[in-house]
PDB file of N, CA and C in Angstrom:
ATOM      1  N   MET A   1     144.070 182.725 -30.889  1.00  0.00           N
ATOM      2  CA  MET A   1     143.211 182.824 -29.737  1.00  0.00           C
ATOM      3  C   MET A   1     143.656 183.980 -28.828  1.00  0.00           C
ATOM      4  N   ARG A   2     144.979 184.145 -28.715  1.00  0.00           N
ATOM      5  CA  ARG A   2     145.501 185.211 -27.869  1.00  0.00           C
ATOM      6  C   ARG A   2     145.055 186.580 -28.383  1.00  0.00           C
ATOM      7  N   GLU A   3     145.073 186.764 -29.695  1.00  0.00           N
ATOM      8  CA  GLU A   3     144.663 188.035 -30.290  1.00  0.00           C
ATOM      9  C   GLU A   3     143.191 188.313 -30.011  1.00  0.00           C
ATOM     10  N   PHE A   4     142.371 187.295 -30.116  1.00  0.00           N
ATOM     11  CA  PHE A   4     140.949 187.440 -29.823  1.00  0.00           C
ATOM     12  C   PHE A   4     140.742 187.863 -28.369  1.00  0.00           C
ATOM     13  N   LEU A   5     141.424 187.175 -27.462  1.00  0.00           N
ATOM     14  CA  LEU A   5     141.298 187.474 -26.043  1.00  0.00           C
ATOM     15  C   LEU A   5     141.755 188.906 -25.754  1.00  0.00           C
ATOM     16  N   GLU A   6     142.849 189.307 -26.349  1.00  0.00           N
ATOM     17  CA  GLU A   6     143.356 190.670 -26.163  1.00  0.00           C
ATOM     18  C   GLU A   6     142.361 191.704 -26.691  1.00  0.00           C
ATOM     19  N   PHE A   7     141.774 191.447 -27.834  1.00  0.00           N
ATOM     20  CA  PHE A   7     140.777 192.346 -28.419  1.00  0.00           C
ATOM     21  C   PHE A   7     139.583 192.519 -27.484  1.00  0.00           C
ATOM     22  N   VAL A   8     139.070 191.417 -26.952  1.00  0.00           N
ATOM     23  CA  VAL A   8     137.895 191.462 -26.082  1.00  0.00           C
ATOM     24  C   VAL A   8     138.206 192.188 -24.774  1.00  0.00           C
ATOM     25  N   ILE A   9     139.311 191.831 -24.132  1.00  0.00           N
ATOM     26  CA  ILE A   9     139.671 192.430 -22.846  1.00  0.00           C
ATOM     27  C   ILE A   9     139.934 193.923 -23.000  1.00  0.00           C
ATOM     28  N   LYS A  10     140.695 194.306 -24.012  1.00  0.00           N
ATOM     29  CA  LYS A  10     140.996 195.725 -24.211  1.00  0.00           C
ATOM     30  C   LYS A  10     139.744 196.532 -24.523  1.00  0.00           C
ATOM     31  N   GLY A  11     138.749 195.906 -25.117  1.00  0.00           N
ATOM     32  CA  GLY A  11     137.489 196.584 -25.391  1.00  0.00           C
ATOM     33  C   GLY A  11     136.654 196.823 -24.139  1.00  0.00           C
ATOM     34  N   LEU A  12     136.913 196.073 -23.093  1.00  0.00           N
ATOM     35  CA  LEU A  12     136.156 196.201 -21.853  1.00  0.00           C
ATOM     36  C   LEU A  12     136.726 197.224 -20.882  1.00  0.00           C
ATOM     37  N   VAL A  13     138.036 197.391 -20.880  1.00  0.00           N
ATOM     38  CA  VAL A  13     138.699 198.160 -19.824  1.00  0.00           C
ATOM     39  C   VAL A  13     138.860 199.637 -20.180  1.00  0.00           C
ATOM     40  N   SER A  14     139.093 200.437 -19.146  1.00  0.00           N
ATOM     41  CA  SER A  14     139.321 201.872 -19.333  1.00  0.00           C
ATOM     42  C   SER A  14     140.767 202.179 -19.708  1.00  0.00           C
ATOM     43  N   ARG A  15     141.676 201.325 -19.245  1.00  0.00           N
ATOM     44  CA  ARG A  15     143.106 201.529 -19.520  1.00  0.00           C
ATOM     45  C   ARG A  15     143.659 200.333 -20.292  1.00  0.00           C
ATOM     46  N   PRO A  16     143.389 200.261 -21.602  1.00  0.00           N
ATOM     47  CA  PRO A  16     143.831 199.105 -22.399  1.00  0.00           C
ATOM     48  C   PRO A  16     145.345 198.948 -22.469  1.00  0.00           C
ATOM     49  N   GLU A  17     146.084 200.017 -22.236  1.00  0.00           N
ATOM     50  CA  GLU A  17     147.549 199.923 -22.294  1.00  0.00           C
ATOM     51  C   GLU A  17     148.118 199.100 -21.142  1.00  0.00           C
ATOM     52  N   THR A  18     147.335 198.863 -20.097  1.00  0.00           N
ATOM     53  CA  THR A  18     147.811 198.076 -18.954  1.00  0.00           C
ATOM     54  C   THR A  18     147.513 196.588 -19.098  1.00  0.00           C
ATOM     55  N   VAL A  19     146.792 196.211 -20.127  1.00  0.00           N
ATOM     56  CA  VAL A  19     146.433 194.802 -20.320  1.00  0.00           C
ATOM     57  C   VAL A  19     147.671 194.017 -20.748  1.00  0.00           C
ATOM     58  N   ASN A  20     147.903 192.904 -20.059  1.00  0.00           N
ATOM     59  CA  ASN A  20     149.027 192.034 -20.382  1.00  0.00           C
ATOM     60  C   ASN A  20     148.522 190.592 -20.373  1.00  0.00           C
ATOM     61  N   ILE A  21     148.809 189.858 -21.428  1.00  0.00           N
ATOM     62  CA  ILE A  21     148.367 188.471 -21.540  1.00  0.00           C
ATOM     63  C   ILE A  21     149.570 187.580 -21.761  1.00  0.00           C
ATOM     64  N   ARG A  22     149.729 186.597 -20.876  1.00  0.00           N
ATOM     65  CA  ARG A  22     150.811 185.614 -20.989  1.00  0.00           C
ATOM     66  C   ARG A  22     150.217 184.252 -21.286  1.00  0.00           C
ATOM     67  N   GLU A  23     150.895 183.488 -22.116  1.00  0.00           N
ATOM     68  CA  GLU A  23     150.494 182.110 -22.404  1.00  0.00           C
ATOM     69  C   GLU A  23     151.404 181.177 -21.617  1.00  0.00           C
ATOM     70  N   VAL A  24     150.797 180.264 -20.865  1.00  0.00           N
ATOM     71  CA  VAL A  24     151.554 179.314 -20.060  1.00  0.00           C
ATOM     72  C   VAL A  24     151.000 177.923 -20.324  1.00  0.00           C
ATOM     73  N   ARG A  25     151.886 176.957 -20.563  1.00  0.00           N
ATOM     74  CA  ARG A  25     151.464 175.554 -20.708  1.00  0.00           C
ATOM     75  C   ARG A  25     151.478 174.912 -19.338  1.00  0.00           C
ATOM     76  N   ARG A  26     150.366 174.293 -18.979  1.00  0.00           N
ATOM     77  CA  ARG A  26     150.249 173.636 -17.682  1.00  0.00           C
ATOM     78  C   ARG A  26     149.397 172.385 -17.833  1.00  0.00           C
ATOM     79  N   SER A  27     149.977 171.244 -17.550  1.00  0.00           N
ATOM     80  CA  SER A  27     149.271 169.956 -17.596  1.00  0.00           C
ATOM     81  C   SER A  27     148.576 169.723 -18.929  1.00  0.00           C
ATOM     82  N   GLY A  28     149.260 170.010 -20.021  1.00  0.00           N
ATOM     83  CA  GLY A  28     148.691 169.794 -21.335  1.00  0.00           C
ATOM     84  C   GLY A  28     147.631 170.808 -21.733  1.00  0.00           C
ATOM     85  N   MET A  29     147.520 171.880 -20.969  1.00  0.00           N
ATOM     86  CA  MET A  29     146.513 172.903 -21.225  1.00  0.00           C
ATOM     87  C   MET A  29     147.220 174.230 -21.480  1.00  0.00           C
ATOM     88  N   LEU A  30     146.670 175.033 -22.358  1.00  0.00           N
ATOM     89  CA  LEU A  30     147.188 176.368 -22.610  1.00  0.00           C
ATOM     90  C   LEU A  30     146.411 177.340 -21.732  1.00  0.00           C
ATOM     91  N   VAL A  31     147.100 177.986 -20.799  1.00  0.00           N
ATOM     92  CA  VAL A  31     146.462 178.908 -19.861  1.00  0.00           C
ATOM     93  C   VAL A  31     146.855 180.326 -20.245  1.00  0.00           C
ATOM     94  N   TYR A  32     145.856 181.170 -20.421  1.00  0.00           N
ATOM     95  CA  TYR A  32     146.081 182.587 -20.695  1.00  0.00           C
ATOM     96  C   TYR A  32     145.955 183.330 -19.376  1.00  0.00           C
ATOM     97  N   GLN A  33     147.055 183.944 -18.949  1.00  0.00           N
ATOM     98  CA  GLN A  33     147.059 184.719 -17.716  1.00  0.00           C
ATOM     99  C   GLN A  33     146.906 186.186 -18.094  1.00  0.00           C
ATOM    100  N   VAL A  34     145.763 186.744 -17.732  1.00  0.00           N
ATOM    101  CA  VAL A  34     145.427 188.117 -18.081  1.00  0.00           C
ATOM    102  C   VAL A  34     145.633 188.991 -16.854  1.00  0.00           C
ATOM    103  N   SER A  35     146.422 190.053 -17.000  1.00  0.00           N
ATOM    104  CA  SER A  35     146.520 191.007 -15.908  1.00  0.00           C
ATOM    105  C   SER A  35     146.055 192.370 -16.404  1.00  0.00           C
ATOM    106  N   VAL A  36     145.251 193.016 -15.573  1.00  0.00           N
ATOM    107  CA  VAL A  36     144.680 194.320 -15.885  1.00  0.00           C
ATOM    108  C   VAL A  36     144.858 195.233 -14.673  1.00  0.00           C
ATOM    109  N   ASP A  37     144.646 196.503 -14.879  1.00  0.00           N
ATOM    110  CA  ASP A  37     144.701 197.471 -13.797  1.00  0.00           C
ATOM    111  C   ASP A  37     143.632 197.127 -12.754  1.00  0.00           C
ATOM    112  N   GLU A  38     143.948 197.385 -11.488  1.00  0.00           N
ATOM    113  CA  GLU A  38     143.000 197.068 -10.411  1.00  0.00           C
ATOM    114  C   GLU A  38     141.638 197.723 -10.621  1.00  0.00           C
ATOM    115  N   ALA A  39     141.630 198.934 -11.146  1.00  0.00           N
ATOM    116  CA  ALA A  39     140.378 199.660 -11.360  1.00  0.00           C
ATOM    117  C   ALA A  39     139.503 198.985 -12.420  1.00  0.00           C
ATOM    118  N   ASP A  40     140.102 198.179 -13.295  1.00  0.00           N
ATOM    119  CA  ASP A  40     139.360 197.518 -14.372  1.00  0.00           C
ATOM    120  C   ASP A  40     138.960 196.077 -14.044  1.00  0.00           C
ATOM    121  N   MET A  41     139.370 195.568 -12.892  1.00  0.00           N
ATOM    122  CA  MET A  41     139.069 194.178 -12.535  1.00  0.00           C
ATOM    123  C   MET A  41     137.571 193.884 -12.569  1.00  0.00           C
ATOM    124  N   GLY A  42     136.791 194.786 -12.016  1.00  0.00           N
ATOM    125  CA  GLY A  42     135.343 194.582 -11.978  1.00  0.00           C
ATOM    126  C   GLY A  42     134.719 194.507 -13.354  1.00  0.00           C
ATOM    127  N   LYS A  43     135.251 195.270 -14.283  1.00  0.00           N
ATOM    128  CA  LYS A  43     134.722 195.261 -15.655  1.00  0.00           C
ATOM    129  C   LYS A  43     135.009 193.932 -16.338  1.00  0.00           C
ATOM    130  N   VAL A  44     136.187 193.383 -16.079  1.00  0.00           N
ATOM    131  CA  VAL A  44     136.564 192.122 -16.707  1.00  0.00           C
ATOM    132  C   VAL A  44     135.814 190.958 -16.065  1.00  0.00           C
ATOM    133  N   ILE A  45     135.668 190.981 -14.763  1.00  0.00           N
ATOM    134  CA  ILE A  45     134.989 189.888 -14.066  1.00  0.00           C
ATOM    135  C   ILE A  45     133.484 189.975 -14.255  1.00  0.00           C
ATOM    136  N   GLY A  46     132.916 191.165 -14.137  1.00  0.00           N
ATOM    137  CA  GLY A  46     131.484 191.348 -14.313  1.00  0.00           C
ATOM    138  C   GLY A  46     130.704 190.949 -13.071  1.00  0.00           C
ATOM    139  N   LYS A  47     129.457 191.272 -13.072  1.00  0.00           N
ATOM    140  CA  LYS A  47     128.589 190.971 -11.938  1.00  0.00           C
ATOM    141  C   LYS A  47     128.439 189.458 -11.788  1.00  0.00           C
ATOM    142  N   ASN A  48     128.787 188.964 -10.622  1.00  0.00           N
ATOM    143  CA  ASN A  48     128.751 187.528 -10.316  1.00  0.00           C
ATOM    144  C   ASN A  48     129.614 186.697 -11.270  1.00  0.00           C
ATOM    145  N   GLY A  49     130.620 187.309 -11.885  1.00  0.00           N
ATOM    146  CA  GLY A  49     131.529 186.580 -12.755  1.00  0.00           C
ATOM    147  C   GLY A  49     130.970 186.258 -14.127  1.00  0.00           C
ATOM    148  N   VAL A  50     129.874 186.897 -14.490  1.00  0.00           N
ATOM    149  CA  VAL A  50     129.221 186.578 -15.762  1.00  0.00           C
ATOM    150  C   VAL A  50     130.121 186.898 -16.954  1.00  0.00           C
ATOM    151  N   THR A  51     130.794 188.046 -16.934  1.00  0.00           N
ATOM    152  CA  THR A  51     131.617 188.446 -18.071  1.00  0.00           C
ATOM    153  C   THR A  51     132.817 187.518 -18.258  1.00  0.00           C
ATOM    154  N   ILE A  52     133.562 187.259 -17.191  1.00  0.00           N
ATOM    155  CA  ILE A  52     134.741 186.401 -17.322  1.00  0.00           C
ATOM    156  C   ILE A  52     134.338 184.970 -17.680  1.00  0.00           C
ATOM    157  N   ASN A  53     133.204 184.512 -17.190  1.00  0.00           N
ATOM    158  CA  ASN A  53     132.756 183.158 -17.544  1.00  0.00           C
ATOM    159  C   ASN A  53     132.392 183.072 -19.025  1.00  0.00           C
ATOM    160  N   ALA A  54     131.816 184.138 -19.572  1.00  0.00           N
ATOM    161  CA  ALA A  54     131.500 184.158 -21.001  1.00  0.00           C
ATOM    162  C   ALA A  54     132.787 184.161 -21.825  1.00  0.00           C
ATOM    163  N   ILE A  55     133.770 184.948 -21.390  1.00  0.00           N
ATOM    164  CA  ILE A  55     135.065 184.995 -22.082  1.00  0.00           C
ATOM    165  C   ILE A  55     135.730 183.624 -22.028  1.00  0.00           C
ATOM    166  N   ARG A  56     135.707 182.989 -20.860  1.00  0.00           N
ATOM    167  CA  ARG A  56     136.304 181.655 -20.718  1.00  0.00           C
ATOM    168  C   ARG A  56     135.634 180.647 -21.642  1.00  0.00           C
ATOM    169  N   SER A  57     134.320 180.723 -21.742  1.00  0.00           N
ATOM    170  CA  SER A  57     133.586 179.802 -22.618  1.00  0.00           C
ATOM    171  C   SER A  57     134.001 179.981 -24.076  1.00  0.00           C
ATOM    172  N   LEU A  58     134.117 181.225 -24.517  1.00  0.00           N
ATOM    173  CA  LEU A  58     134.518 181.483 -25.900  1.00  0.00           C
ATOM    174  C   LEU A  58     135.929 180.983 -26.172  1.00  0.00           C
ATOM    175  N   VAL A  59     136.834 181.180 -25.221  1.00  0.00           N
ATOM    176  CA  VAL A  59     138.210 180.721 -25.395  1.00  0.00           C
ATOM    177  C   VAL A  59     138.266 179.196 -25.412  1.00  0.00           C
ATOM    178  N   GLN A  60     137.481 178.552 -24.563  1.00  0.00           N
ATOM    179  CA  GLN A  60     137.453 177.088 -24.532  1.00  0.00           C
ATOM    180  C   GLN A  60     136.937 176.524 -25.845  1.00  0.00           C
ATOM    181  N   VAL A  61     135.893 177.118 -26.371  1.00  0.00           N
ATOM    182  CA  VAL A  61     135.326 176.648 -27.642  1.00  0.00           C
ATOM    183  C   VAL A  61     136.310 176.880 -28.788  1.00  0.00           C
ATOM    184  N   GLY A  62     136.918 178.058 -28.821  1.00  0.00           N
ATOM    185  CA  GLY A  62     137.904 178.354 -29.861  1.00  0.00           C
ATOM    186  C   GLY A  62     139.094 177.413 -29.792  1.00  0.00           C
ATOM    187  N   GLY A  63     139.541 177.112 -28.590  1.00  0.00           N
ATOM    188  CA  GLY A  63     140.646 176.174 -28.422  1.00  0.00           C
ATOM    189  C   GLY A  63     140.264 174.775 -28.839  1.00  0.00           C
ATOM    190  N   ALA A  64     139.055 174.357 -28.492  1.00  0.00           N
ATOM    191  CA  ALA A  64     138.583 173.017 -28.846  1.00  0.00           C
ATOM    192  C   ALA A  64     138.518 172.842 -30.361  1.00  0.00           C
ATOM    193  N   ARG A  65     138.162 173.891 -31.063  1.00  0.00           N
ATOM    194  CA  ARG A  65     138.108 173.820 -32.522  1.00  0.00           C
ATOM    195  C   ARG A  65     139.492 173.624 -33.125  1.00  0.00           C
ATOM    196  N   ARG A  66     140.509 174.013 -32.373  1.00  0.00           N
ATOM    197  CA  ARG A  66     141.899 173.835 -32.821  1.00  0.00           C
ATOM    198  C   ARG A  66     142.551 172.620 -32.173  1.00  0.00           C
ATOM    199  N   GLY A  67     141.780 171.875 -31.404  1.00  0.00           N
ATOM    200  CA  GLY A  67     142.297 170.678 -30.754  1.00  0.00           C
ATOM    201  C   GLY A  67     143.121 170.959 -29.510  1.00  0.00           C
ATOM    202  N   GLN A  68     142.902 172.124 -28.868  1.00  0.00           N
ATOM    203  CA  GLN A  68     143.645 172.491 -27.666  1.00  0.00           C
ATOM    204  C   GLN A  68     142.682 172.695 -26.500  1.00  0.00           C
ATOM    205  N   ARG A  69     143.183 172.390 -25.307  1.00  0.00           N
ATOM    206  CA  ARG A  69     142.442 172.737 -24.088  1.00  0.00           C
ATOM    207  C   ARG A  69     142.965 174.084 -23.618  1.00  0.00           C
ATOM    208  N   CYS A  70     142.059 175.023 -23.358  1.00  0.00           N
ATOM    209  CA  CYS A  70     142.447 176.379 -22.988  1.00  0.00           C
ATOM    210  C   CYS A  70     141.712 176.827 -21.733  1.00  0.00           C
ATOM    211  N   ALA A  71     142.347 177.715 -20.988  1.00  0.00           N
ATOM    212  CA  ALA A  71     141.740 178.304 -19.797  1.00  0.00           C
ATOM    213  C   ALA A  71     142.189 179.755 -19.705  1.00  0.00           C
ATOM    214  N   VAL A  72     141.439 180.549 -18.921  1.00  0.00           N
ATOM    215  CA  VAL A  72     141.763 181.956 -18.713  1.00  0.00           C
ATOM    216  C   VAL A  72     141.814 182.223 -17.219  1.00  0.00           C
ATOM    217  N   GLU A  73     142.906 182.847 -16.784  1.00  0.00           N
ATOM    218  CA  GLU A  73     143.049 183.290 -15.398  1.00  0.00           C
ATOM    219  C   GLU A  73     143.198 184.799 -15.414  1.00  0.00           C
ATOM    220  N   VAL A  74     142.573 185.471 -14.446  1.00  0.00           N
ATOM    221  CA  VAL A  74     142.695 186.914 -14.339  1.00  0.00           C
ATOM    222  C   VAL A  74     143.559 187.224 -13.131  1.00  0.00           C
ATOM    223  N   ASN A  75     144.619 187.977 -13.357  1.00  0.00           N
ATOM    224  CA  ASN A  75     145.545 188.351 -12.296  1.00  0.00           C
ATOM    225  C   ASN A  75     145.415 189.830 -11.989  1.00  0.00           C
ATOM    226  N   GLU A  76     145.485 190.152 -10.700  1.00  0.00           N
ATOM    227  CA  GLU A  76     145.495 191.543 -10.293  1.00  0.00           C
ATOM    228  C   GLU A  76     146.878 192.117 -10.552  1.00  0.00           C
ATOM    229  N   ALA A  77     146.961 193.428 -10.594  1.00  0.00           N
ATOM    230  CA  ALA A  77     148.253 194.083 -10.833  1.00  0.00           C
ATOM    231  C   ALA A  77     149.277 193.662  -9.782  1.00  0.00           C
ATOM    232  N   GLY A  78     148.834 193.395  -8.555  1.00  0.00           N
ATOM    233  CA  GLY A  78     149.722 192.996  -7.485  1.00  0.00           C
ATOM    234  C   GLY A  78     150.128 191.531  -7.537  1.00  0.00           C
ATOM    235  N   GLY A  79     149.576 190.777  -8.490  1.00  0.00           N
ATOM    236  CA  GLY A  79     149.964 189.386  -8.655  1.00  0.00           C
ATOM    237  C   GLY A  79     148.949 188.380  -8.135  1.00  0.00           C
ATOM    238  N   GLY A  80     147.863 188.836  -7.523  1.00  0.00           N
ATOM    239  CA  GLY A  80     146.832 187.906  -7.058  1.00  0.00           C
ATOM    240  C   GLY A  80     146.096 187.276  -8.213  1.00  0.00           C
ATOM    241  N   ARG A  81     145.543 186.090  -8.002  1.00  0.00           N
ATOM    242  CA  ARG A  81     144.869 185.362  -9.086  1.00  0.00           C
ATOM    243  C   ARG A  81     143.407 185.171  -8.746  1.00  0.00           C
ATOM    244  N   ARG A  82     142.540 185.235  -9.776  1.00  0.00           N
ATOM    245  CA  ARG A  82     141.113 184.997  -9.588  1.00  0.00           C
ATOM    246  C   ARG A  82     140.598 184.015 -10.601  1.00  0.00           C
TER     247      ARG A  82
END
């Protein structure tokens, strides 16, 4: 799932070398913390959050097929979370 998420995010951004994805277990859920360059935040989030919500849906479905609960968080380069 992490490879899929990395492929999708890197395909969206202008600076794919800045993409960093961490896996964190929290409350029985696998959370993918994605950090991208500040200039690419809008591309990942999309208008009204449409892009990130679509990515989250795909990750949730992929995780469910493997029997895992998954979530995606987007972090700014400065450490803020969205």
